[in-house]
Amino acid sequence: MGPAVRVIRSPQSGFRPDIEGMRGIAVLLVVLFHCGVPGFSGGFTGVDVFFALSGYLMTGLIVAEVERTGKLSLRNFYARRVRRLLPASGLLVVGTLLMGWAVYSPIEMARYAKSAYYTSLYASNFLFMHDAVNYFASDVATNPYLHTWSLAVEEQFYLF
């Protein structure tokens, strides 16, 4: 058996530099992929890393709560998710809509308002799937909500 790995964690915040490092690498893979940098076709891997880390961290939070209280409160679990994600998501949806009215045509704005609505429900992946959106087509590159599909998938994972 190899040497034990020591996990360094901030006592107050639970900050994990190892996890943050993995998240940084995942972000880099996604960004380099989207920028078309030769040799970096691993954008999909970056998204997979985010999903795996999210599952790992959520499992850790659930186990810690059960160890601490002897039970899992789904109400508290979902309330924490809402407090953590809704402010940033709401700001994204509202801010993008406001800026969109200055930039997009009324026809484009109607389409993006629909995307904003589904994004606010964490269901944008279903909209894009229903509309047969090709993530890599040039005409979808202007949809400011296209990237929210992965957050929708994560939230659906928490629900089901």
C-alpha atoms as a PDB file:
ATOM      1  CA  MET A   1       0.000   0.000   0.000  1.00  0.00           C
ATOM      2  CA  GLY A   2       1.282   3.469  -0.861  1.00  0.00           C
ATOM      3  CA  PRO A   3       1.786   6.374   1.492  1.00  0.00           C
ATOM      4  CA  ALA A   4      -1.284   7.976   3.018  1.00  0.00           C
ATOM      5  CA  VAL A   5      -2.483  11.199   1.474  1.00  0.00           C
ATOM      6  CA  ARG A   6      -3.113  13.982   3.921  1.00  0.00           C
ATOM      7  CA  VAL A   7      -6.076  16.198   3.092  1.00  0.00           C
ATOM      8  CA  ILE A   8      -5.509  19.806   4.072  1.00  0.00           C
ATOM      9  CA  ARG A   9      -8.698  21.577   4.988  1.00  0.00           C
ATOM     10  CA  SER A  10      -9.431  24.989   6.429  1.00  0.00           C
ATOM     11  CA  PRO A  11     -11.181  24.400   9.775  1.00  0.00           C
ATOM     12  CA  GLN A  12     -13.761  27.158   9.329  1.00  0.00           C
ATOM     13  CA  SER A  13     -14.606  26.956   5.650  1.00  0.00           C
ATOM     14  CA  GLY A  14     -13.782  23.367   4.745  1.00  0.00           C
ATOM     15  CA  PHE A  15     -11.683  24.764   1.861  1.00  0.00           C
ATOM     16  CA  ARG A  16      -9.901  21.991  -0.008  1.00  0.00           C
ATOM     17  CA  PRO A  17      -6.928  23.131  -2.107  1.00  0.00           C
ATOM     18  CA  ASP A  18      -6.778  19.724  -3.804  1.00  0.00           C
ATOM     19  CA  ILE A  19     -10.382  20.052  -4.975  1.00  0.00           C
ATOM     20  CA  GLU A  20      -9.824  23.662  -6.050  1.00  0.00           C
ATOM     21  CA  GLY A  21      -6.796  22.540  -8.049  1.00  0.00           C
ATOM     22  CA  MET A  22      -8.843  19.892  -9.832  1.00  0.00           C
ATOM     23  CA  ARG A  23     -11.573  22.455 -10.533  1.00  0.00           C
ATOM     24  CA  GLY A  24      -8.953  24.810 -11.952  1.00  0.00           C
ATOM     25  CA  ILE A  25      -7.637  22.126 -14.288  1.00  0.00           C
ATOM     26  CA  ALA A  26     -11.192  21.296 -15.376  1.00  0.00           C
ATOM     27  CA  VAL A  27     -11.912  24.972 -16.115  1.00  0.00           C
ATOM     28  CA  LEU A  28      -8.691  25.217 -18.079  1.00  0.00           C
ATOM     29  CA  LEU A  29      -9.600  22.157 -20.170  1.00  0.00           C
ATOM     30  CA  VAL A  30     -13.026  23.597 -20.986  1.00  0.00           C
ATOM     31  CA  VAL A  31     -11.692  27.081 -21.808  1.00  0.00           C
ATOM     32  CA  LEU A  32      -8.830  25.796 -23.976  1.00  0.00           C
ATOM     33  CA  PHE A  33     -11.248  23.509 -25.793  1.00  0.00           C
ATOM     34  CA  HIS A  34     -13.696  26.343 -26.501  1.00  0.00           C
ATOM     35  CA  CYS A  35     -10.861  28.607 -27.636  1.00  0.00           C
ATOM     36  CA  GLY A  36      -9.871  25.972 -30.190  1.00  0.00           C
ATOM     37  CA  VAL A  37      -6.329  25.542 -28.897  1.00  0.00           C
ATOM     38  CA  PRO A  38      -4.746  22.644 -30.825  1.00  0.00           C
ATOM     39  CA  GLY A  39      -4.210  19.553 -28.711  1.00  0.00           C
ATOM     40  CA  PHE A  40      -6.931  20.446 -26.210  1.00  0.00           C
ATOM     41  CA  SER A  41      -9.930  18.441 -27.217  1.00  0.00           C
ATOM     42  CA  GLY A  42     -10.609  17.566 -23.573  1.00  0.00           C
ATOM     43  CA  GLY A  43     -13.371  20.046 -22.848  1.00  0.00           C
ATOM     44  CA  PHE A  44     -15.713  17.127 -22.287  1.00  0.00           C
ATOM     45  CA  THR A  45     -13.328  15.710 -19.719  1.00  0.00           C
ATOM     46  CA  GLY A  46     -13.410  19.016 -17.840  1.00  0.00           C
ATOM     47  CA  VAL A  47     -17.205  18.848 -17.618  1.00  0.00           C
ATOM     48  CA  ASP A  48     -17.017  15.231 -16.445  1.00  0.00           C
ATOM     49  CA  VAL A  49     -14.544  16.277 -13.746  1.00  0.00           C
ATOM     50  CA  PHE A  50     -17.004  18.942 -12.553  1.00  0.00           C
ATOM     51  CA  PHE A  51     -19.796  16.369 -12.356  1.00  0.00           C
ATOM     52  CA  ALA A  52     -17.601  13.891 -10.464  1.00  0.00           C
ATOM     53  CA  LEU A  53     -16.364  16.550  -8.018  1.00  0.00           C
ATOM     54  CA  SER A  54     -19.886  17.757  -7.431  1.00  0.00           C
ATOM     55  CA  GLY A  55     -21.086  14.244  -6.623  1.00  0.00           C
ATOM     56  CA  TYR A  56     -18.100  13.684  -4.339  1.00  0.00           C
ATOM     57  CA  LEU A  57     -18.628  16.953  -2.457  1.00  0.00           C
ATOM     58  CA  MET A  58     -22.396  16.457  -2.119  1.00  0.00           C
ATOM     59  CA  THR A  59     -21.876  12.936  -0.820  1.00  0.00           C
ATOM     60  CA  GLY A  60     -19.397  14.279   1.739  1.00  0.00           C
ATOM     61  CA  LEU A  61     -21.890  16.905   2.926  1.00  0.00           C
ATOM     62  CA  ILE A  62     -24.665  14.332   3.220  1.00  0.00           C
ATOM     63  CA  VAL A  63     -22.469  11.846   5.108  1.00  0.00           C
ATOM     64  CA  ALA A  64     -21.248  14.592   7.465  1.00  0.00           C
ATOM     65  CA  GLU A  65     -24.817  15.656   8.238  1.00  0.00           C
ATOM     66  CA  VAL A  66     -25.915  12.077   8.916  1.00  0.00           C
ATOM     67  CA  GLU A  67     -22.890  11.515  11.166  1.00  0.00           C
ATOM     68  CA  ARG A  68     -23.545  14.783  12.996  1.00  0.00           C
ATOM     69  CA  THR A  69     -27.333  14.555  13.392  1.00  0.00           C
ATOM     70  CA  GLY A  70     -28.159  10.907  12.763  1.00  0.00           C
ATOM     71  CA  LYS A  71     -30.425  11.814   9.828  1.00  0.00           C
ATOM     72  CA  LEU A  72     -30.599  13.675   6.557  1.00  0.00           C
ATOM     73  CA  SER A  73     -32.892  16.662   6.293  1.00  0.00           C
ATOM     74  CA  LEU A  74     -33.797  17.027   2.636  1.00  0.00           C
ATOM     75  CA  ARG A  75     -35.379  20.383   3.410  1.00  0.00           C
ATOM     76  CA  ASN A  76     -32.097  21.692   4.836  1.00  0.00           C
ATOM     77  CA  PHE A  77     -30.126  20.116   1.989  1.00  0.00           C
ATOM     78  CA  TYR A  78     -32.228  21.832  -0.680  1.00  0.00           C
ATOM     79  CA  ALA A  79     -32.328  25.098   1.278  1.00  0.00           C
ATOM     80  CA  ARG A  80     -28.509  25.147   1.270  1.00  0.00           C
ATOM     81  CA  ARG A  81     -28.471  24.475  -2.488  1.00  0.00           C
ATOM     82  CA  VAL A  82     -30.924  27.347  -3.069  1.00  0.00           C
ATOM     83  CA  ARG A  83     -28.933  29.764  -0.885  1.00  0.00           C
ATOM     84  CA  ARG A  84     -25.726  28.852  -2.660  1.00  0.00           C
ATOM     85  CA  LEU A  85     -26.885  28.797  -6.276  1.00  0.00           C
ATOM     86  CA  LEU A  86     -29.969  30.982  -6.671  1.00  0.00           C
ATOM     87  CA  PRO A  87     -28.354  34.404  -6.132  1.00  0.00           C
ATOM     88  CA  ALA A  88     -25.707  33.887  -8.825  1.00  0.00           C
ATOM     89  CA  SER A  89     -28.104  32.127 -11.181  1.00  0.00           C
ATOM     90  CA  GLY A  90     -30.743  34.830 -10.719  1.00  0.00           C
ATOM     91  CA  LEU A  91     -28.185  37.546 -11.374  1.00  0.00           C
ATOM     92  CA  LEU A  92     -27.044  35.755 -14.535  1.00  0.00           C
ATOM     93  CA  VAL A  93     -30.593  35.390 -15.870  1.00  0.00           C
ATOM     94  CA  VAL A  94     -31.760  38.927 -15.064  1.00  0.00           C
ATOM     95  CA  GLY A  95     -28.495  40.654 -15.970  1.00  0.00           C
ATOM     96  CA  THR A  96     -28.225  38.839 -19.278  1.00  0.00           C
ATOM     97  CA  LEU A  97     -31.835  39.649 -20.159  1.00  0.00           C
ATOM     98  CA  LEU A  98     -31.286  43.323 -19.388  1.00  0.00           C
ATOM     99  CA  MET A  99     -28.124  43.497 -21.475  1.00  0.00           C
ATOM    100  CA  GLY A 100     -29.761  41.439 -24.212  1.00  0.00           C
ATOM    101  CA  TRP A 101     -32.472  44.017 -24.810  1.00  0.00           C
ATOM    102  CA  ALA A 102     -29.754  46.467 -25.801  1.00  0.00           C
ATOM    103  CA  VAL A 103     -27.915  44.047 -28.079  1.00  0.00           C
ATOM    104  CA  TYR A 104     -30.301  41.517 -29.639  1.00  0.00           C
ATOM    105  CA  SER A 105     -33.127  41.877 -32.133  1.00  0.00           C
ATOM    106  CA  PRO A 106     -36.702  41.276 -30.871  1.00  0.00           C
ATOM    107  CA  ILE A 107     -36.743  37.852 -32.547  1.00  0.00           C
ATOM    108  CA  GLU A 108     -33.468  36.824 -30.898  1.00  0.00           C
ATOM    109  CA  MET A 109     -34.646  38.288 -27.608  1.00  0.00           C
ATOM    110  CA  ALA A 110     -37.787  36.141 -27.662  1.00  0.00           C
ATOM    111  CA  ARG A 111     -35.652  33.033 -28.142  1.00  0.00           C
ATOM    112  CA  TYR A 112     -33.239  34.054 -25.392  1.00  0.00           C
ATOM    113  CA  ALA A 113     -36.073  34.953 -23.025  1.00  0.00           C
ATOM    114  CA  LYS A 114     -37.302  31.377 -23.439  1.00  0.00           C
ATOM    115  CA  SER A 115     -33.792  30.133 -22.668  1.00  0.00           C
ATOM    116  CA  ALA A 116     -33.709  32.436 -19.621  1.00  0.00           C
ATOM    117  CA  TYR A 117     -36.996  31.006 -18.365  1.00  0.00           C
ATOM    118  CA  TYR A 118     -35.771  27.419 -18.652  1.00  0.00           C
ATOM    119  CA  THR A 119     -32.435  28.399 -17.125  1.00  0.00           C
ATOM    120  CA  SER A 120     -34.231  29.836 -14.095  1.00  0.00           C
ATOM    121  CA  LEU A 121     -35.981  26.459 -13.681  1.00  0.00           C
ATOM    122  CA  TYR A 122     -32.672  24.569 -14.058  1.00  0.00           C
ATOM    123  CA  ALA A 123     -34.159  22.848 -17.102  1.00  0.00           C
ATOM    124  CA  SER A 124     -32.250  24.470 -19.967  1.00  0.00           C
ATOM    125  CA  ASN A 125     -30.806  21.109 -20.994  1.00  0.00           C
ATOM    126  CA  PHE A 126     -34.342  19.871 -21.722  1.00  0.00           C
ATOM    127  CA  LEU A 127     -35.119  22.973 -23.794  1.00  0.00           C
ATOM    128  CA  PHE A 128     -31.934  22.654 -25.819  1.00  0.00           C
ATOM    129  CA  MET A 129     -32.541  18.931 -26.303  1.00  0.00           C
ATOM    130  CA  HIS A 130     -36.175  19.540 -27.337  1.00  0.00           C
ATOM    131  CA  ASP A 131     -35.138  22.249 -29.785  1.00  0.00           C
ATOM    132  CA  ALA A 132     -32.397  19.939 -31.117  1.00  0.00           C
ATOM    133  CA  VAL A 133     -29.753  22.561 -30.411  1.00  0.00           C
ATOM    134  CA  ASN A 134     -26.363  21.549 -31.730  1.00  0.00           C
ATOM    135  CA  TYR A 135     -23.991  22.802 -29.049  1.00  0.00           C
ATOM    136  CA  PHE A 136     -21.219  23.224 -31.609  1.00  0.00           C
ATOM    137  CA  ALA A 137     -23.193  24.924 -34.397  1.00  0.00           C
ATOM    138  CA  SER A 138     -22.113  28.477 -35.165  1.00  0.00           C
ATOM    139  CA  ASP A 139     -25.651  29.886 -34.872  1.00  0.00           C
ATOM    140  CA  VAL A 140     -25.933  28.902 -31.206  1.00  0.00           C
ATOM    141  CA  ALA A 141     -22.704  30.620 -30.229  1.00  0.00           C
ATOM    142  CA  THR A 142     -24.637  33.802 -29.444  1.00  0.00           C
ATOM    143  CA  ASN A 143     -27.030  32.154 -26.969  1.00  0.00           C
ATOM    144  CA  PRO A 144     -25.845  33.521 -23.618  1.00  0.00           C
ATOM    145  CA  TYR A 145     -27.580  30.698 -21.737  1.00  0.00           C
ATOM    146  CA  LEU A 146     -26.192  27.742 -23.671  1.00  0.00           C
ATOM    147  CA  HIS A 147     -23.595  26.921 -21.027  1.00  0.00           C
ATOM    148  CA  THR A 148     -26.296  26.498 -18.341  1.00  0.00           C
ATOM    149  CA  TRP A 149     -27.121  22.991 -19.536  1.00  0.00           C
ATOM    150  CA  SER A 150     -24.437  21.517 -17.265  1.00  0.00           C
ATOM    151  CA  LEU A 151     -25.719  23.331 -14.172  1.00  0.00           C
ATOM    152  CA  ALA A 152     -29.224  22.091 -15.006  1.00  0.00           C
ATOM    153  CA  VAL A 153     -27.928  18.515 -15.167  1.00  0.00           C
ATOM    154  CA  GLU A 154     -26.245  18.920 -11.764  1.00  0.00           C
ATOM    155  CA  GLU A 155     -29.385  20.292 -10.141  1.00  0.00           C
ATOM    156  CA  GLN A 156     -31.460  17.483 -11.611  1.00  0.00           C
ATOM    157  CA  PHE A 157     -28.946  15.046 -10.152  1.00  0.00           C
ATOM    158  CA  TYR A 158     -29.612  16.554  -6.707  1.00  0.00           C
ATOM    159  CA  LEU A 159     -33.360  16.211  -7.179  1.00  0.00           C
ATOM    160  CA  PHE A 160     -33.437  12.670  -8.452  1.00  0.00           C
END
